[in-house]
Amino acid sequence: QVQLVESGGGLVQAGGSLRLSCAASGRTFSSYAMGWFRRAPGKEREFVASIRWSGGSTDYADSVKGRFTISRDNAKNTVYLQMNSLKPEDTAVYYCAASAWNDPLRLGTSYDYWGQGTQVTVSS
C-alpha cells in the first residue's frame, strides 16, 4: 500500500511559478513510475506529466511542455512538478499518482495509487 500526499498549491498571478510536491510512503517508491494529472472546473481529468523510476523517460502534455518540469528524488520519496509561466487555464486541482510500471502513463487507468489533490489557482 502506497500513500501519496500533495502540497505546494496555492494562488499565483499569471506568469508566476509554483512547485508542487508529492510525498510517498513506503520503501518501494523508486520502483514506481509517477504522474501528475489535473482537473479544471467543468472539465475532464487530463494528463500533465509523467516520469519513470529511473528519472528518465519523462513525458508532458502539449499544453505544459516547455513550462512544466517533472522530477523525482528517490532518496526523499518525493516527486515534484515545477510550474513556470503559469496561465489562468492552468487553474485546476492537481493530483499525484503512482504506477507499478503500467503503460501507457498518459492514461489514469495505468495508475495504482492517487493523492488527495492540491488546488492551483492562477489569476489574470
C-alpha atoms as a PDB file:
ATOM      1  CA  GLN A   1       0.000   0.000   0.000  1.00  0.00           C
ATOM      2  CA  VAL A   2       1.270   3.424  -1.008  1.00  0.00           C
ATOM      3  CA  GLN A   3       0.050   6.761   0.293  1.00  0.00           C
ATOM      4  CA  LEU A   4       0.611   9.969  -1.659  1.00  0.00           C
ATOM      5  CA  VAL A   5       0.291  13.476  -0.241  1.00  0.00           C
ATOM      6  CA  GLU A   6       0.467  16.547  -2.476  1.00  0.00           C
ATOM      7  CA  SER A   7       1.465  20.005  -1.304  1.00  0.00           C
ATOM      8  CA  GLY A   8       2.579  23.339  -2.713  1.00  0.00           C
ATOM      9  CA  GLY A   9      -0.603  24.506  -4.370  1.00  0.00           C
ATOM     10  CA  GLY A  10      -1.946  27.994  -3.938  1.00  0.00           C
ATOM     11  CA  LEU A  11      -2.860  31.260  -5.614  1.00  0.00           C
ATOM     12  CA  VAL A  12      -0.438  32.858  -8.043  1.00  0.00           C
ATOM     13  CA  GLN A  13      -0.598  35.567 -10.697  1.00  0.00           C
ATOM     14  CA  ALA A  14      -0.254  34.754 -14.378  1.00  0.00           C
ATOM     15  CA  GLY A  15       3.396  34.443 -15.312  1.00  0.00           C
ATOM     16  CA  GLY A  16       4.371  33.257 -11.864  1.00  0.00           C
ATOM     17  CA  SER A  17       5.702  29.931 -10.662  1.00  0.00           C
ATOM     18  CA  LEU A  18       4.809  27.198  -8.217  1.00  0.00           C
ATOM     19  CA  ARG A  19       6.423  23.914  -7.272  1.00  0.00           C
ATOM     20  CA  LEU A  20       4.166  21.049  -6.304  1.00  0.00           C
ATOM     21  CA  SER A  21       5.469  18.207  -4.178  1.00  0.00           C
ATOM     22  CA  CYS A  22       4.150  14.684  -3.753  1.00  0.00           C
ATOM     23  CA  ALA A  23       5.459  12.717  -0.795  1.00  0.00           C
ATOM     24  CA  ALA A  24       5.097   8.939  -0.976  1.00  0.00           C
ATOM     25  CA  SER A  25       5.108   6.449   1.854  1.00  0.00           C
ATOM     26  CA  GLY A  26       6.845   3.088   1.828  1.00  0.00           C
ATOM     27  CA  ARG A  27      10.235   1.809   0.795  1.00  0.00           C
ATOM     28  CA  THR A  28       9.450   0.965  -2.820  1.00  0.00           C
ATOM     29  CA  PHE A  29       8.994   4.477  -4.184  1.00  0.00           C
ATOM     30  CA  SER A  30      11.799   4.070  -6.697  1.00  0.00           C
ATOM     31  CA  SER A  31      10.026   1.125  -8.332  1.00  0.00           C
ATOM     32  CA  TYR A  32       7.005   3.230  -9.322  1.00  0.00           C
ATOM     33  CA  ALA A  33       6.505   5.465 -12.281  1.00  0.00           C
ATOM     34  CA  MET A  34       4.904   8.738 -11.204  1.00  0.00           C
ATOM     35  CA  GLY A  35       2.471  11.054 -12.876  1.00  0.00           C
ATOM     36  CA  TRP A  36       0.671  14.340 -12.444  1.00  0.00           C
ATOM     37  CA  PHE A  37      -2.897  14.889 -13.590  1.00  0.00           C
ATOM     38  CA  ARG A  38      -5.209  17.848 -13.231  1.00  0.00           C
ATOM     39  CA  ARG A  39      -8.918  18.550 -13.300  1.00  0.00           C
ATOM     40  CA  ALA A  40     -10.200  22.017 -14.080  1.00  0.00           C
ATOM     41  CA  PRO A  41     -13.723  23.168 -13.157  1.00  0.00           C
ATOM     42  CA  GLY A  42     -16.230  21.660 -15.566  1.00  0.00           C
ATOM     43  CA  LYS A  43     -13.537  19.689 -17.382  1.00  0.00           C
ATOM     44  CA  GLU A  44     -12.405  16.087 -17.511  1.00  0.00           C
ATOM     45  CA  ARG A  45      -9.251  14.972 -15.776  1.00  0.00           C
ATOM     46  CA  GLU A  46      -6.251  15.395 -18.037  1.00  0.00           C
ATOM     47  CA  PHE A  47      -2.705  14.137 -18.108  1.00  0.00           C
ATOM     48  CA  VAL A  48       0.010  16.650 -17.241  1.00  0.00           C
ATOM     49  CA  ALA A  49       3.345  14.851 -16.904  1.00  0.00           C
ATOM     50  CA  SER A  50       4.968  11.533 -16.019  1.00  0.00           C
ATOM     51  CA  ILE A  51       8.373  10.199 -15.040  1.00  0.00           C
ATOM     52  CA  ARG A  52       9.671   6.656 -14.755  1.00  0.00           C
ATOM     53  CA  TRP A  53      11.538   5.260 -11.761  1.00  0.00           C
ATOM     54  CA  SER A  54      14.963   5.966 -13.240  1.00  0.00           C
ATOM     55  CA  GLY A  55      14.206   9.666 -13.592  1.00  0.00           C
ATOM     56  CA  GLY A  56      14.348   9.428 -17.358  1.00  0.00           C
ATOM     57  CA  SER A  57      11.614   8.864 -19.922  1.00  0.00           C
ATOM     58  CA  THR A  58       9.661  11.962 -18.960  1.00  0.00           C
ATOM     59  CA  ASP A  59       6.518  12.862 -20.852  1.00  0.00           C
ATOM     60  CA  TYR A  60       4.438  16.041 -20.967  1.00  0.00           C
ATOM     61  CA  ALA A  61       1.114  17.169 -22.280  1.00  0.00           C
ATOM     62  CA  ASP A  62       1.489  19.615 -25.154  1.00  0.00           C
ATOM     63  CA  SER A  63      -0.262  22.300 -23.123  1.00  0.00           C
ATOM     64  CA  VAL A  64       2.501  22.367 -20.498  1.00  0.00           C
ATOM     65  CA  LYS A  65       5.581  21.346 -22.473  1.00  0.00           C
ATOM     66  CA  GLY A  66       8.361  23.873 -22.053  1.00  0.00           C
ATOM     67  CA  ARG A  67       6.752  25.397 -18.964  1.00  0.00           C
ATOM     68  CA  PHE A  68       6.434  22.490 -16.523  1.00  0.00           C
ATOM     69  CA  THR A  69       9.141  20.105 -15.356  1.00  0.00           C
ATOM     70  CA  ILE A  70       8.586  16.832 -13.525  1.00  0.00           C
ATOM     71  CA  SER A  71      11.377  15.406 -11.393  1.00  0.00           C
ATOM     72  CA  ARG A  72      11.851  12.952  -8.566  1.00  0.00           C
ATOM     73  CA  ASP A  73      14.129  12.486  -5.599  1.00  0.00           C
ATOM     74  CA  ASN A  74      14.003   8.817  -4.702  1.00  0.00           C
ATOM     75  CA  ALA A  75      16.068   9.371  -1.547  1.00  0.00           C
ATOM     76  CA  LYS A  76      13.268  11.628  -0.289  1.00  0.00           C
ATOM     77  CA  ASN A  77      10.426   9.529  -1.735  1.00  0.00           C
ATOM     78  CA  THR A  78       9.172  12.672  -3.428  1.00  0.00           C
ATOM     79  CA  VAL A  79       8.130  13.710  -6.916  1.00  0.00           C
ATOM     80  CA  TYR A  80       7.928  17.358  -7.965  1.00  0.00           C
ATOM     81  CA  LEU A  81       6.175  19.420 -10.578  1.00  0.00           C
ATOM     82  CA  GLN A  82       7.868  22.740 -11.240  1.00  0.00           C
ATOM     83  CA  MET A  83       5.382  25.041 -12.950  1.00  0.00           C
ATOM     84  CA  ASN A  84       6.658  28.200 -14.623  1.00  0.00           C
ATOM     85  CA  SER A  85       4.976  30.841 -16.767  1.00  0.00           C
ATOM     86  CA  LEU A  86       1.627  29.904 -15.303  1.00  0.00           C
ATOM     87  CA  LYS A  87      -1.532  30.797 -17.184  1.00  0.00           C
ATOM     88  CA  PRO A  88      -5.122  31.148 -15.967  1.00  0.00           C
ATOM     89  CA  GLU A  89      -6.000  27.989 -17.902  1.00  0.00           C
ATOM     90  CA  ASP A  90      -3.623  26.065 -15.623  1.00  0.00           C
ATOM     91  CA  THR A  91      -6.100  26.567 -12.790  1.00  0.00           C
ATOM     92  CA  ALA A  92      -7.117  23.119 -11.570  1.00  0.00           C
ATOM     93  CA  VAL A  93      -6.833  20.571  -8.823  1.00  0.00           C
ATOM     94  CA  TYR A  94      -3.559  18.731  -9.380  1.00  0.00           C
ATOM     95  CA  TYR A  95      -3.241  15.058  -8.480  1.00  0.00           C
ATOM     96  CA  CYS A  96      -0.165  12.932  -7.968  1.00  0.00           C
ATOM     97  CA  ALA A  97      -0.331   9.251  -8.934  1.00  0.00           C
ATOM     98  CA  ALA A  98       1.914   6.178  -8.767  1.00  0.00           C
ATOM     99  CA  SER A  99       2.064   3.349 -11.294  1.00  0.00           C
ATOM    100  CA  ALA A 100       3.674  -0.067 -10.825  1.00  0.00           C
ATOM    101  CA  TRP A 101       5.245   0.042 -14.280  1.00  0.00           C
ATOM    102  CA  ASN A 102       1.953   0.068 -16.146  1.00  0.00           C
ATOM    103  CA  ASP A 103       1.503   1.663 -19.540  1.00  0.00           C
ATOM    104  CA  PRO A 104       0.609   3.980 -21.099  1.00  0.00           C
ATOM    105  CA  LEU A 105       1.348   6.567 -18.450  1.00  0.00           C
ATOM    106  CA  ARG A 106      -0.826   9.163 -20.159  1.00  0.00           C
ATOM    107  CA  LEU A 107      -3.892   7.218 -19.027  1.00  0.00           C
ATOM    108  CA  GLY A 108      -5.193   7.465 -15.492  1.00  0.00           C
ATOM    109  CA  THR A 109      -6.137   3.788 -15.567  1.00  0.00           C
ATOM    110  CA  SER A 110      -2.432   2.911 -15.573  1.00  0.00           C
ATOM    111  CA  TYR A 111      -2.019   4.212 -12.027  1.00  0.00           C
ATOM    112  CA  ASP A 112      -2.490   2.224  -8.840  1.00  0.00           C
ATOM    113  CA  TYR A 113      -2.427   4.976  -6.211  1.00  0.00           C
ATOM    114  CA  TRP A 114      -3.620   8.580  -6.093  1.00  0.00           C
ATOM    115  CA  GLY A 115      -3.130  11.528  -3.803  1.00  0.00           C
ATOM    116  CA  GLN A 116      -5.856  13.797  -2.467  1.00  0.00           C
ATOM    117  CA  GLY A 117      -5.095  16.672  -4.823  1.00  0.00           C
ATOM    118  CA  THR A 118      -3.905  20.226  -4.309  1.00  0.00           C
ATOM    119  CA  GLN A 119      -5.562  23.360  -5.680  1.00  0.00           C
ATOM    120  CA  VAL A 120      -3.673  25.637  -8.048  1.00  0.00           C
ATOM    121  CA  THR A 121      -5.330  28.929  -8.951  1.00  0.00           C
ATOM    122  CA  VAL A 122      -3.779  31.314 -11.464  1.00  0.00           C
ATOM    123  CA  SER A 123      -5.228  34.806 -11.585  1.00  0.00           C
ATOM    124  CA  SER A 124      -5.125  37.126 -14.575  1.00  0.00           C
END
